[in-house]
Amino acid sequence: GHYISDLNERYDHFRKIEAIVYDDLPTINIAYYGVAIVMNDD
């Protein structure tokens, strides 16, 4: 995938890799992060 320059082809290729590690679970994904920005009303 490193050598694929066409973006559509490149992204399709890496989506297949994402699916493999999703099934293998070396990392177990829990949640996408949300950030709470706290500001003074001024």
Full PDB file with SEQRES, HELIX, SHEET, SSBOND, CRYST1, ORIGX, SCALE, CONECT and MASTER records, all heavy atoms in Angstrom:
SEQRES   1 A   42  GLY HIS TYR ILE SER ASP LEU ASN GLU ARG TYR ASP HIS          
SEQRES   2 A   42  PHE ARG LYS ILE GLU ALA ILE VAL TYR ASP ASP LEU PRO          
SEQRES   3 A   42  THR ILE ASN ILE ALA TYR TYR GLY VAL ALA ILE VAL MET          
SEQRES   4 A   42  ASN ASP ASP                                                  
HELIX    1 AA1 LEU A    7  ASP A   24  1                                  18    
CRYST1    1.000    1.000    1.000  90.00  90.00  90.00 P 1           1          
ORIGX1      1.000000  0.000000  0.000000        0.00000                         
ORIGX2      0.000000  1.000000  0.000000        0.00000                         
ORIGX3      0.000000  0.000000  1.000000        0.00000                         
SCALE1      1.000000  0.000000  0.000000        0.00000                         
SCALE2      0.000000  1.000000  0.000000        0.00000                         
SCALE3      0.000000  0.000000  1.000000        0.00000                         
ATOM      1  N   GLY A   1       0.802  -1.217   0.000  1.00  0.00           N  
ATOM      2  CA  GLY A   1       0.000   0.000   0.000  1.00  0.00           C  
ATOM      3  C   GLY A   1       0.831   1.261   0.000  1.00  0.00           C  
ATOM      4  O   GLY A   1       0.382   2.315  -0.491  1.00  0.00           O  
ATOM      5  N   HIS A   2       2.030   1.175   0.542  1.00  0.00           N  
ATOM      6  CA  HIS A   2       2.909   2.347   0.613  1.00  0.00           C  
ATOM      7  C   HIS A   2       3.156   2.943  -0.776  1.00  0.00           C  
ATOM      8  O   HIS A   2       3.310   4.160  -0.919  1.00  0.00           O  
ATOM      9  CB  HIS A   2       4.231   1.939   1.258  1.00  0.00           C  
ATOM     10  CG  HIS A   2       5.239   3.043   1.334  1.00  0.00           C  
ATOM     11  ND1 HIS A   2       5.154   4.069   2.258  1.00  0.00           N  
ATOM     12  CD2 HIS A   2       6.356   3.300   0.581  1.00  0.00           C  
ATOM     13  CE1 HIS A   2       6.166   4.898   2.087  1.00  0.00           C  
ATOM     14  NE2 HIS A   2       6.907   4.455   1.091  1.00  0.00           N  
ATOM     15  N   TYR A   3       3.175   2.099  -1.800  1.00  0.00           N  
ATOM     16  CA  TYR A   3       3.551   2.559  -3.135  1.00  0.00           C  
ATOM     17  C   TYR A   3       2.354   2.910  -4.014  1.00  0.00           C  
ATOM     18  O   TYR A   3       2.520   3.215  -5.194  1.00  0.00           O  
ATOM     19  CB  TYR A   3       4.412   1.484  -3.815  1.00  0.00           C  
ATOM     20  CG  TYR A   3       5.686   1.210  -3.054  1.00  0.00           C  
ATOM     21  CD1 TYR A   3       5.801   0.093  -2.231  1.00  0.00           C  
ATOM     22  CD2 TYR A   3       6.768   2.086  -3.124  1.00  0.00           C  
ATOM     23  CE1 TYR A   3       6.964  -0.153  -1.506  1.00  0.00           C  
ATOM     24  CE2 TYR A   3       7.927   1.847  -2.400  1.00  0.00           C  
ATOM     25  CZ  TYR A   3       8.020   0.731  -1.602  1.00  0.00           C  
ATOM     26  OH  TYR A   3       9.162   0.501  -0.884  1.00  0.00           O  
ATOM     27  N   ILE A   4       1.166   2.854  -3.467  1.00  0.00           N  
ATOM     28  CA  ILE A   4      -0.035   3.200  -4.252  1.00  0.00           C  
ATOM     29  C   ILE A   4      -0.296   4.695  -4.126  1.00  0.00           C  
ATOM     30  O   ILE A   4      -0.560   5.205  -3.031  1.00  0.00           O  
ATOM     31  CB  ILE A   4      -1.260   2.402  -3.762  1.00  0.00           C  
ATOM     32  CG1 ILE A   4      -0.996   0.896  -3.870  1.00  0.00           C  
ATOM     33  CG2 ILE A   4      -2.505   2.793  -4.562  1.00  0.00           C  
ATOM     34  CD1 ILE A   4      -2.090   0.025  -3.271  1.00  0.00           C  
ATOM     35  N   SER A   5      -0.247   5.420  -5.231  1.00  0.00           N  
ATOM     36  CA  SER A   5      -0.411   6.872  -5.217  1.00  0.00           C  
ATOM     37  C   SER A   5      -1.843   7.312  -5.485  1.00  0.00           C  
ATOM     38  O   SER A   5      -2.280   8.348  -4.973  1.00  0.00           O  
ATOM     39  CB  SER A   5       0.530   7.524  -6.240  1.00  0.00           C  
ATOM     40  OG  SER A   5       1.880   7.285  -5.892  1.00  0.00           O  
ATOM     41  N   ASP A   6      -2.572   6.559  -6.310  1.00  0.00           N  
ATOM     42  CA  ASP A   6      -3.967   6.928  -6.592  1.00  0.00           C  
ATOM     43  C   ASP A   6      -4.780   6.811  -5.304  1.00  0.00           C  
ATOM     44  O   ASP A   6      -4.839   5.740  -4.681  1.00  0.00           O  
ATOM     45  CB  ASP A   6      -4.547   6.002  -7.663  1.00  0.00           C  
ATOM     46  CG  ASP A   6      -5.997   6.316  -7.967  1.00  0.00           C  
ATOM     47  OD1 ASP A   6      -6.263   7.239  -8.757  1.00  0.00           O  
ATOM     48  OD2 ASP A   6      -6.880   5.634  -7.375  1.00  0.00           O  
ATOM     49  N   LEU A   7      -5.420   7.916  -4.880  1.00  0.00           N  
ATOM     50  CA  LEU A   7      -6.048   7.944  -3.564  1.00  0.00           C  
ATOM     51  C   LEU A   7      -7.182   6.942  -3.429  1.00  0.00           C  
ATOM     52  O   LEU A   7      -7.312   6.273  -2.392  1.00  0.00           O  
ATOM     53  CB  LEU A   7      -6.550   9.355  -3.241  1.00  0.00           C  
ATOM     54  CG  LEU A   7      -5.466  10.373  -2.875  1.00  0.00           C  
ATOM     55  CD1 LEU A   7      -6.095  11.709  -2.496  1.00  0.00           C  
ATOM     56  CD2 LEU A   7      -4.585   9.874  -1.731  1.00  0.00           C  
ATOM     57  N   ASN A   8      -8.031   6.813  -4.437  1.00  0.00           N  
ATOM     58  CA  ASN A   8      -9.149   5.868  -4.331  1.00  0.00           C  
ATOM     59  C   ASN A   8      -8.642   4.441  -4.179  1.00  0.00           C  
ATOM     60  O   ASN A   8      -9.125   3.684  -3.318  1.00  0.00           O  
ATOM     61  CB  ASN A   8     -10.063   5.982  -5.552  1.00  0.00           C  
ATOM     62  CG  ASN A   8     -10.853   7.273  -5.561  1.00  0.00           C  
ATOM     63  OD1 ASN A   8     -11.193   7.816  -4.506  1.00  0.00           O  
ATOM     64  ND2 ASN A   8     -11.145   7.788  -6.742  1.00  0.00           N  
ATOM     65  N   GLU A   9      -7.669   4.079  -4.992  1.00  0.00           N  
ATOM     66  CA  GLU A   9      -7.089   2.737  -4.909  1.00  0.00           C  
ATOM     67  C   GLU A   9      -6.367   2.556  -3.574  1.00  0.00           C  
ATOM     68  O   GLU A   9      -6.447   1.496  -2.937  1.00  0.00           O  
ATOM     69  CB  GLU A   9      -6.119   2.529  -6.071  1.00  0.00           C  
ATOM     70  CG  GLU A   9      -5.505   1.135  -6.116  1.00  0.00           C  
ATOM     71  CD  GLU A   9      -4.505   0.980  -7.260  1.00  0.00           C  
ATOM     72  OE1 GLU A   9      -4.428   1.881  -8.112  1.00  0.00           O  
ATOM     73  OE2 GLU A   9      -3.784  -0.044  -7.261  1.00  0.00           O  
ATOM     74  N   ARG A  10      -5.673   3.590  -3.152  1.00  0.00           N  
ATOM     75  CA  ARG A  10      -4.917   3.546  -1.899  1.00  0.00           C  
ATOM     76  C   ARG A  10      -5.849   3.328  -0.705  1.00  0.00           C  
ATOM     77  O   ARG A  10      -5.622   2.461   0.137  1.00  0.00           O  
ATOM     78  CB  ARG A  10      -4.143   4.857  -1.748  1.00  0.00           C  
ATOM     79  CG  ARG A  10      -3.287   4.955  -0.505  1.00  0.00           C  
ATOM     80  CD  ARG A  10      -2.529   6.287  -0.498  1.00  0.00           C  
ATOM     81  NE  ARG A  10      -1.716   6.414   0.703  1.00  0.00           N  
ATOM     82  CZ  ARG A  10      -0.508   5.874   0.867  1.00  0.00           C  
ATOM     83  NH1 ARG A  10       0.018   5.146  -0.113  1.00  0.00           N  
ATOM     84  NH2 ARG A  10       0.165   6.035   1.987  1.00  0.00           N  
ATOM     85  N   TYR A  11      -6.918   4.107  -0.663  1.00  0.00           N  
ATOM     86  CA  TYR A  11      -7.850   3.993   0.469  1.00  0.00           C  
ATOM     87  C   TYR A  11      -8.538   2.639   0.484  1.00  0.00           C  
ATOM     88  O   TYR A  11      -8.728   2.031   1.549  1.00  0.00           O  
ATOM     89  CB  TYR A  11      -8.880   5.116   0.421  1.00  0.00           C  
ATOM     90  CG  TYR A  11      -8.312   6.502   0.668  1.00  0.00           C  
ATOM     91  CD1 TYR A  11      -9.077   7.647   0.420  1.00  0.00           C  
ATOM     92  CD2 TYR A  11      -7.016   6.683   1.154  1.00  0.00           C  
ATOM     93  CE1 TYR A  11      -8.564   8.918   0.646  1.00  0.00           C  
ATOM     94  CE2 TYR A  11      -6.502   7.954   1.379  1.00  0.00           C  
ATOM     95  CZ  TYR A  11      -7.284   9.059   1.118  1.00  0.00           C  
ATOM     96  OH  TYR A  11      -6.783  10.325   1.349  1.00  0.00           O  
ATOM     97  N   ASP A  12      -8.934   2.121  -0.682  1.00  0.00           N  
ATOM     98  CA  ASP A  12      -9.551   0.788  -0.744  1.00  0.00           C  
ATOM     99  C   ASP A  12      -8.604  -0.284  -0.209  1.00  0.00           C  
ATOM    100  O   ASP A  12      -9.016  -1.203   0.513  1.00  0.00           O  
ATOM    101  CB  ASP A  12      -9.937   0.444  -2.190  1.00  0.00           C  
ATOM    102  CG  ASP A  12     -11.227   1.127  -2.622  1.00  0.00           C  
ATOM    103  OD1 ASP A  12     -11.984   1.584  -1.748  1.00  0.00           O  
ATOM    104  OD2 ASP A  12     -11.478   1.212  -3.849  1.00  0.00           O  
ATOM    105  N   HIS A  13      -7.342  -0.152  -0.569  1.00  0.00           N  
ATOM    106  CA  HIS A  13      -6.341  -1.124  -0.119  1.00  0.00           C  
ATOM    107  C   HIS A  13      -6.209  -1.113   1.404  1.00  0.00           C  
ATOM    108  O   HIS A  13      -6.226  -2.176   2.051  1.00  0.00           O  
ATOM    109  CB  HIS A  13      -4.996  -0.801  -0.774  1.00  0.00           C  
ATOM    110  CG  HIS A  13      -3.905  -1.759  -0.417  1.00  0.00           C  
ATOM    111  ND1 HIS A  13      -3.730  -2.970  -1.068  1.00  0.00           N  
ATOM    112  CD2 HIS A  13      -2.932  -1.705   0.539  1.00  0.00           C  
ATOM    113  CE1 HIS A  13      -2.706  -3.618  -0.543  1.00  0.00           C  
ATOM    114  NE2 HIS A  13      -2.205  -2.866   0.438  1.00  0.00           N  
ATOM    115  N   PHE A  14      -6.116   0.065   1.993  1.00  0.00           N  
ATOM    116  CA  PHE A  14      -5.932   0.145   3.435  1.00  0.00           C  
ATOM    117  C   PHE A  14      -7.206  -0.195   4.207  1.00  0.00           C  
ATOM    118  O   PHE A  14      -7.137  -0.621   5.366  1.00  0.00           O  
ATOM    119  CB  PHE A  14      -5.386   1.520   3.823  1.00  0.00           C  
ATOM    120  CG  PHE A  14      -3.907   1.651   3.574  1.00  0.00           C  
ATOM    121  CD1 PHE A  14      -3.426   2.380   2.495  1.00  0.00           C  
ATOM    122  CD2 PHE A  14      -2.998   1.006   4.392  1.00  0.00           C  
ATOM    123  CE1 PHE A  14      -2.059   2.477   2.252  1.00  0.00           C  
ATOM    124  CE2 PHE A  14      -1.629   1.100   4.165  1.00  0.00           C  
ATOM    125  CZ  PHE A  14      -1.157   1.835   3.086  1.00  0.00           C  
ATOM    126  N   ARG A  15      -8.370  -0.056   3.568  1.00  0.00           N  
ATOM    127  CA  ARG A  15      -9.616  -0.503   4.226  1.00  0.00           C  
ATOM    128  C   ARG A  15      -9.595  -2.009   4.464  1.00  0.00           C  
ATOM    129  O   ARG A  15     -10.124  -2.500   5.466  1.00  0.00           O  
ATOM    130  CB  ARG A  15     -10.824  -0.111   3.384  1.00  0.00           C  
ATOM    131  CG  ARG A  15     -11.143   1.383   3.399  1.00  0.00           C  
ATOM    132  CD  ARG A  15     -12.396   1.713   2.609  1.00  0.00           C  
ATOM    133  NE  ARG A  15     -12.556   3.153   2.485  1.00  0.00           N  
ATOM    134  CZ  ARG A  15     -12.432   3.840   1.340  1.00  0.00           C  
ATOM    135  NH1 ARG A  15     -12.171   3.188   0.204  1.00  0.00           N  
ATOM    136  NH2 ARG A  15     -12.571   5.151   1.327  1.00  0.00           N  
ATOM    137  N   LYS A  16      -8.989  -2.759   3.535  1.00  0.00           N  
ATOM    138  CA  LYS A  16      -8.886  -4.210   3.703  1.00  0.00           C  
ATOM    139  C   LYS A  16      -8.004  -4.550   4.903  1.00  0.00           C  
ATOM    140  O   LYS A  16      -8.284  -5.490   5.656  1.00  0.00           O  
ATOM    141  CB  LYS A  16      -8.318  -4.835   2.431  1.00  0.00           C  
ATOM    142  CG  LYS A  16      -9.223  -4.679   1.210  1.00  0.00           C  
ATOM    143  CD  LYS A  16      -8.532  -5.170  -0.054  1.00  0.00           C  
ATOM    144  CE  LYS A  16      -9.399  -4.907  -1.288  1.00  0.00           C  
ATOM    145  NZ  LYS A  16      -8.688  -5.254  -2.544  1.00  0.00           N  
ATOM    146  N   ILE A  17      -6.948  -3.786   5.087  1.00  0.00           N  
ATOM    147  CA  ILE A  17      -6.063  -4.017   6.235  1.00  0.00           C  
ATOM    148  C   ILE A  17      -6.788  -3.686   7.537  1.00  0.00           C  
ATOM    149  O   ILE A  17      -6.674  -4.417   8.532  1.00  0.00           O  
ATOM    150  CB  ILE A  17      -4.782  -3.167   6.090  1.00  0.00           C  
ATOM    151  CG1 ILE A  17      -4.050  -3.534   4.810  1.00  0.00           C  
ATOM    152  CG2 ILE A  17      -3.885  -3.335   7.315  1.00  0.00           C  
ATOM    153  CD1 ILE A  17      -2.928  -2.591   4.439  1.00  0.00           C  
ATOM    154  N   GLU A  18      -7.549  -2.587   7.521  1.00  0.00           N  
ATOM    155  CA  GLU A  18      -8.310  -2.210   8.711  1.00  0.00           C  
ATOM    156  C   GLU A  18      -9.270  -3.327   9.111  1.00  0.00           C  
ATOM    157  O   GLU A  18      -9.464  -3.607  10.295  1.00  0.00           O  
ATOM    158  CB  GLU A  18      -9.072  -0.911   8.456  1.00  0.00           C  
ATOM    159  CG  GLU A  18      -9.746  -0.354   9.696  1.00  0.00           C  
ATOM    160  CD  GLU A  18     -10.559   0.900   9.431  1.00  0.00           C  
ATOM    161  OE1 GLU A  18     -10.653   1.331   8.256  1.00  0.00           O  
ATOM    162  OE2 GLU A  18     -11.131   1.446  10.393  1.00  0.00           O  
ATOM    163  N   ALA A  19      -9.866  -3.999   8.109  1.00  0.00           N  
ATOM    164  CA  ALA A  19     -10.799  -5.093   8.401  1.00  0.00           C  
ATOM    165  C   ALA A  19     -10.077  -6.294   9.024  1.00  0.00           C  
ATOM    166  O   ALA A  19     -10.623  -6.967   9.908  1.00  0.00           O  
ATOM    167  CB  ALA A  19     -11.512  -5.514   7.120  1.00  0.00           C  
ATOM    168  N   ILE A  20      -8.857  -6.568   8.591  1.00  0.00           N  
ATOM    169  CA  ILE A  20      -8.106  -7.702   9.139  1.00  0.00           C  
ATOM    170  C   ILE A  20      -7.797  -7.483  10.618  1.00  0.00           C  
ATOM    171  O   ILE A  20      -8.013  -8.368  11.457  1.00  0.00           O  
ATOM    172  CB  ILE A  20      -6.799  -7.924   8.340  1.00  0.00           C  
ATOM    173  CG1 ILE A  20      -7.124  -8.391   6.913  1.00  0.00           C  
ATOM    174  CG2 ILE A  20      -5.905  -8.942   9.053  1.00  0.00           C  
ATOM    175  CD1 ILE A  20      -5.903  -8.460   6.005  1.00  0.00           C  
ATOM    176  N   VAL A  21      -7.313  -6.283  10.965  1.00  0.00           N  
ATOM    177  CA  VAL A  21      -6.949  -6.052  12.368  1.00  0.00           C  
ATOM    178  C   VAL A  21      -8.191  -5.892  13.242  1.00  0.00           C  
ATOM    179  O   VAL A  21      -8.142  -6.180  14.451  1.00  0.00           O  
ATOM    180  CB  VAL A  21      -6.003  -4.840  12.508  1.00  0.00           C  
ATOM    181  CG1 VAL A  21      -4.693  -5.117  11.778  1.00  0.00           C  
ATOM    182  CG2 VAL A  21      -6.632  -3.553  12.000  1.00  0.00           C  
ATOM    183  N   TYR A  22      -9.291  -5.467  12.637  1.00  0.00           N  
ATOM    184  CA  TYR A  22     -10.567  -5.420  13.367  1.00  0.00           C  
ATOM    185  C   TYR A  22     -10.950  -6.833  13.804  1.00  0.00           C  
ATOM    186  O   TYR A  22     -11.474  -7.039  14.915  1.00  0.00           O  
ATOM    187  CB  TYR A  22     -11.634  -4.823  12.449  1.00  0.00           C  
ATOM    188  CG  TYR A  22     -13.066  -4.949  12.903  1.00  0.00           C  
ATOM    189  CD1 TYR A  22     -13.644  -3.976  13.723  1.00  0.00           C  
ATOM    190  CD2 TYR A  22     -13.872  -6.004  12.475  1.00  0.00           C  
ATOM    191  CE1 TYR A  22     -14.978  -4.073  14.113  1.00  0.00           C  
ATOM    192  CE2 TYR A  22     -15.198  -6.110  12.858  1.00  0.00           C  
ATOM    193  CZ  TYR A  22     -15.747  -5.144  13.681  1.00  0.00           C  
ATOM    194  OH  TYR A  22     -17.070  -5.246  14.060  1.00  0.00           O  
ATOM    195  N   ASP A  23     -10.702  -7.823  12.964  1.00  0.00           N  
ATOM    196  CA  ASP A  23     -11.024  -9.210  13.298  1.00  0.00           C  
ATOM    197  C   ASP A  23      -9.972  -9.836  14.203  1.00  0.00           C  
ATOM    198  O   ASP A  23     -10.300 -10.586  15.135  1.00  0.00           O  
ATOM    199  CB  ASP A  23     -11.151 -10.033  12.015  1.00  0.00           C  
ATOM    200  CG  ASP A  23     -11.517 -11.477  12.284  1.00  0.00           C  
ATOM    201  OD1 ASP A  23     -12.644 -11.728  12.777  1.00  0.00           O  
ATOM    202  OD2 ASP A  23     -10.674 -12.370  12.029  1.00  0.00           O  
ATOM    203  N   ASP A  24      -8.698  -9.520  13.996  1.00  0.00           N  
ATOM    204  CA  ASP A  24      -7.625 -10.120  14.794  1.00  0.00           C  
ATOM    205  C   ASP A  24      -7.581  -9.576  16.222  1.00  0.00           C  
ATOM    206  O   ASP A  24      -7.105 -10.267  17.132  1.00  0.00           O  
ATOM    207  CB  ASP A  24      -6.272  -9.880  14.118  1.00  0.00           C  
ATOM    208  CG  ASP A  24      -5.981 -10.894  13.023  1.00  0.00           C  
ATOM    209  OD1 ASP A  24      -6.772 -11.840  12.862  1.00  0.00           O  
ATOM    210  OD2 ASP A  24      -4.949 -10.750  12.332  1.00  0.00           O  
ATOM    211  N   LEU A  25      -7.966  -8.322  16.394  1.00  0.00           N  
ATOM    212  CA  LEU A  25      -8.053  -7.695  17.720  1.00  0.00           C  
ATOM    213  C   LEU A  25      -6.740  -7.642  18.508  1.00  0.00           C  
ATOM    214  O   LEU A  25      -6.723  -7.914  19.709  1.00  0.00           O  
ATOM    215  CB  LEU A  25      -9.122  -8.381  18.573  1.00  0.00           C  
ATOM    216  CG  LEU A  25     -10.574  -8.178  18.140  1.00  0.00           C  
ATOM    217  CD1 LEU A  25     -11.499  -9.072  18.954  1.00  0.00           C  
ATOM    218  CD2 LEU A  25     -10.975  -6.716  18.319  1.00  0.00           C  
ATOM    219  N   PRO A  26      -5.630  -7.259  17.872  1.00  0.00           N  
ATOM    220  CA  PRO A  26      -4.452  -6.963  18.712  1.00  0.00           C  
ATOM    221  C   PRO A  26      -4.716  -5.725  19.565  1.00  0.00           C  
ATOM    222  O   PRO A  26      -4.163  -5.585  20.654  1.00  0.00           O  
ATOM    223  CB  PRO A  26      -3.345  -6.711  17.691  1.00  0.00           C  
ATOM    224  CG  PRO A  26      -4.069  -6.301  16.440  1.00  0.00           C  
ATOM    225  CD  PRO A  26      -5.353  -7.055  16.451  1.00  0.00           C  
ATOM    226  N   THR A  27      -5.546  -4.840  19.031  1.00  0.00           N  
ATOM    227  CA  THR A  27      -6.080  -3.719  19.804  1.00  0.00           C  
ATOM    228  C   THR A  27      -7.604  -3.841  19.781  1.00  0.00           C  
ATOM    229  O   THR A  27      -8.190  -4.204  18.752  1.00  0.00           O  
ATOM    230  CB  THR A  27      -5.664  -2.361  19.215  1.00  0.00           C  
ATOM    231  OG1 THR A  27      -6.161  -2.240  17.875  1.00  0.00           O  
ATOM    232  CG2 THR A  27      -4.157  -2.204  19.196  1.00  0.00           C  
ATOM    233  N   ILE A  28      -8.213  -3.562  20.897  1.00  0.00           N  
ATOM    234  CA  ILE A  28      -9.671  -3.670  21.029  1.00  0.00           C  
ATOM    235  C   ILE A  28     -10.216  -2.249  21.120  1.00  0.00           C  
ATOM    236  O   ILE A  28      -9.959  -1.528  22.090  1.00  0.00           O  
ATOM    237  CB  ILE A  28     -10.039  -4.499  22.274  1.00  0.00           C  
ATOM    238  CG1 ILE A  28      -9.475  -5.926  22.119  1.00  0.00           C  
ATOM    239  CG2 ILE A  28     -11.549  -4.530  22.479  1.00  0.00           C  
ATOM    240  CD1 ILE A  28      -9.503  -6.737  23.405  1.00  0.00           C  
ATOM    241  N   ASN A  29     -10.915  -1.825  20.075  1.00  0.00           N  
ATOM    242  CA  ASN A  29     -11.385  -0.444  19.987  1.00  0.00           C  
ATOM    243  C   ASN A  29     -12.634  -0.253  20.852  1.00  0.00           C  
ATOM    244  O   ASN A  29     -13.579  -1.031  20.765  1.00  0.00           O  
ATOM    245  CB  ASN A  29     -11.696  -0.082  18.539  1.00  0.00           C  
ATOM    246  CG  ASN A  29     -10.520  -0.365  17.616  1.00  0.00           C  
ATOM    247  OD1 ASN A  29      -9.373  -0.234  18.027  1.00  0.00           O  
ATOM    248  ND2 ASN A  29     -10.805  -0.754  16.383  1.00  0.00           N  
ATOM    249  N   ILE A  30     -12.622   0.782  21.672  1.00  0.00           N  
ATOM    250  CA  ILE A  30     -13.727   1.009  22.604  1.00  0.00           C  
ATOM    251  C   ILE A  30     -14.608   2.179  22.166  1.00  0.00           C  
ATOM    252  O   ILE A  30     -15.816   2.022  21.992  1.00  0.00           O  
ATOM    253  CB  ILE A  30     -13.203   1.293  24.029  1.00  0.00           C  
ATOM    254  CG1 ILE A  30     -12.182   0.221  24.457  1.00  0.00           C  
ATOM    255  CG2 ILE A  30     -14.369   1.361  25.010  1.00  0.00           C  
ATOM    256  CD1 ILE A  30     -12.715  -1.180  24.518  1.00  0.00           C  
ATOM    257  N   ALA A  31     -14.011   3.342  21.974  1.00  0.00           N  
ATOM    258  CA  ALA A  31     -14.809   4.536  21.648  1.00  0.00           C  
ATOM    259  C   ALA A  31     -13.953   5.562  20.925  1.00  0.00           C  
ATOM    260  O   ALA A  31     -12.735   5.634  21.137  1.00  0.00           O  
ATOM    261  CB  ALA A  31     -15.395   5.158  22.918  1.00  0.00           C  
ATOM    262  N   TYR A  32     -14.603   6.328  20.052  1.00  0.00           N  
ATOM    263  CA  TYR A  32     -13.942   7.476  19.447  1.00  0.00           C  
ATOM    264  C   TYR A  32     -14.023   8.635  20.428  1.00  0.00           C  
ATOM    265  O   TYR A  32     -15.049   8.877  21.062  1.00  0.00           O  
ATOM    266  CB  TYR A  32     -14.602   7.856  18.119  1.00  0.00           C  
ATOM    267  CG  TYR A  32     -14.608   6.733  17.115  1.00  0.00           C  
ATOM    268  CD1 TYR A  32     -15.806   6.242  16.583  1.00  0.00           C  
ATOM    269  CD2 TYR A  32     -13.421   6.143  16.695  1.00  0.00           C  
ATOM    270  CE1 TYR A  32     -15.820   5.212  15.658  1.00  0.00           C  
ATOM    271  CE2 TYR A  32     -13.423   5.096  15.773  1.00  0.00           C  
ATOM    272  CZ  TYR A  32     -14.622   4.641  15.263  1.00  0.00           C  
ATOM    273  OH  TYR A  32     -14.628   3.609  14.356  1.00  0.00           O  
ATOM    274  N   TYR A  33     -12.947   9.333  20.536  1.00  0.00           N  
ATOM    275  CA  TYR A  33     -12.778  10.365  21.565  1.00  0.00           C  
ATOM    276  C   TYR A  33     -13.670  11.575  21.288  1.00  0.00           C  
ATOM    277  O   TYR A  33     -13.823  12.010  20.148  1.00  0.00           O  
ATOM    278  CB  TYR A  33     -11.321  10.813  21.574  1.00  0.00           C  
ATOM    279  CG  TYR A  33     -10.850  11.504  22.823  1.00  0.00           C  
ATOM    280  CD1 TYR A  33     -10.261  10.772  23.848  1.00  0.00           C  
ATOM    281  CD2 TYR A  33     -10.950  12.878  22.973  1.00  0.00           C  
ATOM    282  CE1 TYR A  33      -9.786  11.395  24.992  1.00  0.00           C  
ATOM    283  CE2 TYR A  33     -10.470  13.510  24.108  1.00  0.00           C  
ATOM    284  CZ  TYR A  33      -9.894  12.766  25.113  1.00  0.00           C  
ATOM    285  OH  TYR A  33      -9.429  13.390  26.242  1.00  0.00           O  
ATOM    286  N   GLY A  34     -14.238  12.103  22.341  1.00  0.00           N  
ATOM    287  CA  GLY A  34     -14.897  13.396  22.268  1.00  0.00           C  
ATOM    288  C   GLY A  34     -14.161  14.348  23.187  1.00  0.00           C  
ATOM    289  O   GLY A  34     -13.704  13.957  24.262  1.00  0.00           O  
ATOM    290  N   VAL A  35     -13.990  15.581  22.752  1.00  0.00           N  
ATOM    291  CA  VAL A  35     -13.284  16.554  23.571  1.00  0.00           C  
ATOM    292  C   VAL A  35     -14.276  17.593  24.077  1.00  0.00           C  
ATOM    293  O   VAL A  35     -15.137  18.063  23.325  1.00  0.00           O  
ATOM    294  CB  VAL A  35     -12.123  17.222  22.801  1.00  0.00           C  
ATOM    295  CG1 VAL A  35     -12.616  17.976  21.580  1.00  0.00           C  
ATOM    296  CG2 VAL A  35     -11.319  18.142  23.704  1.00  0.00           C  
ATOM    297  N   ALA A  36     -14.198  17.919  25.355  1.00  0.00           N  
ATOM    298  CA  ALA A  36     -15.060  18.929  25.965  1.00  0.00           C  
ATOM    299  C   ALA A  36     -14.253  20.211  26.133  1.00  0.00           C  
ATOM    300  O   ALA A  36     -13.335  20.264  26.946  1.00  0.00           O  
ATOM    301  CB  ALA A  36     -15.587  18.446  27.311  1.00  0.00           C  
ATOM    302  N   ILE A  37     -14.593  21.222  25.344  1.00  0.00           N  
ATOM    303  CA  ILE A  37     -13.929  22.521  25.425  1.00  0.00           C  
ATOM    304  C   ILE A  37     -14.733  23.398  26.382  1.00  0.00           C  
ATOM    305  O   ILE A  37     -15.930  23.598  26.199  1.00  0.00           O  
ATOM    306  CB  ILE A  37     -13.860  23.205  24.052  1.00  0.00           C  
ATOM    307  CG1 ILE A  37     -13.153  22.298  23.030  1.00  0.00           C  
ATOM    308  CG2 ILE A  37     -13.177  24.564  24.152  1.00  0.00           C  
ATOM    309  CD1 ILE A  37     -11.691  22.072  23.297  1.00  0.00           C  
ATOM    310  N   VAL A  38     -14.073  23.891  27.429  1.00  0.00           N  
ATOM    311  CA  VAL A  38     -14.737  24.706  28.443  1.00  0.00           C  
ATOM    312  C   VAL A  38     -14.197  26.133  28.331  1.00  0.00           C  
ATOM    313  O   VAL A  38     -12.983  26.346  28.384  1.00  0.00           O  
ATOM    314  CB  VAL A  38     -14.498  24.163  29.859  1.00  0.00           C  
ATOM    315  CG1 VAL A  38     -15.432  24.852  30.851  1.00  0.00           C  
ATOM    316  CG2 VAL A  38     -14.694  22.647  29.912  1.00  0.00           C  
ATOM    317  N   MET A  39     -15.111  27.102  28.185  1.00  0.00           N  
ATOM    318  CA  MET A  39     -14.699  28.484  27.962  1.00  0.00           C  
ATOM    319  C   MET A  39     -15.459  29.442  28.865  1.00  0.00           C  
ATOM    320  O   MET A  39     -16.633  29.224  29.179  1.00  0.00           O  
ATOM    321  CB  MET A  39     -14.950  28.885  26.505  1.00  0.00           C  
ATOM    322  CG  MET A  39     -14.032  28.229  25.511  1.00  0.00           C  
ATOM    323  SD  MET A  39     -14.448  28.658  23.799  1.00  0.00           S  
ATOM    324  CE  MET A  39     -15.732  27.442  23.466  1.00  0.00           C  
ATOM    325  N   ASN A  40     -14.781  30.508  29.224  1.00  0.00           N  
ATOM    326  CA  ASN A  40     -15.426  31.644  29.840  1.00  0.00           C  
ATOM    327  C   ASN A  40     -16.395  32.246  28.817  1.00  0.00           C  
ATOM    328  O   ASN A  40     -16.117  32.266  27.617  1.00  0.00           O  
ATOM    329  CB  ASN A  40     -14.335  32.664  30.220  1.00  0.00           C  
ATOM    330  CG  ASN A  40     -14.856  33.843  30.981  1.00  0.00           C  
ATOM    331  OD1 ASN A  40     -15.758  34.542  30.526  1.00  0.00           O  
ATOM    332  ND2 ASN A  40     -14.266  34.104  32.132  1.00  0.00           N  
ATOM    333  N   ASP A  41     -17.536  32.749  29.274  1.00  0.00           N  
ATOM    334  CA  ASP A  41     -18.518  33.317  28.347  1.00  0.00           C  
ATOM    335  C   ASP A  41     -18.002  34.551  27.622  1.00  0.00           C  
ATOM    336  O   ASP A  41     -18.586  34.972  26.609  1.00  0.00           O  
ATOM    337  CB  ASP A  41     -19.815  33.676  29.090  1.00  0.00           C  
ATOM    338  CG  ASP A  41     -20.674  32.458  29.393  1.00  0.00           C  
ATOM    339  OD1 ASP A  41     -20.381  31.378  28.841  1.00  0.00           O  
ATOM    340  OD2 ASP A  41     -21.621  32.573  30.197  1.00  0.00           O  
ATOM    341  N   ASP A  42     -16.915  35.138  28.123  1.00  0.00           N  
ATOM    342  CA  ASP A  42     -16.326  36.287  27.437  1.00  0.00           C  
ATOM    343  C   ASP A  42     -15.569  35.867  26.179  1.00  0.00           C  
ATOM    344  O   ASP A  42     -15.219  36.716  25.356  1.00  0.00           O  
ATOM    345  CB  ASP A  42     -15.371  37.034  28.374  1.00  0.00           C  
ATOM    346  CG  ASP A  42     -16.102  37.800  29.470  1.00  0.00           C  
ATOM    347  OD1 ASP A  42     -17.288  38.144  29.249  1.00  0.00           O  
ATOM    348  OD2 ASP A  42     -15.513  38.040  30.535  1.00  0.00           O  
TER     349      ASP A  42                                                      
MASTER        0    0    0    1    0    0    0    6  348    1    0    4          
END                                                                             
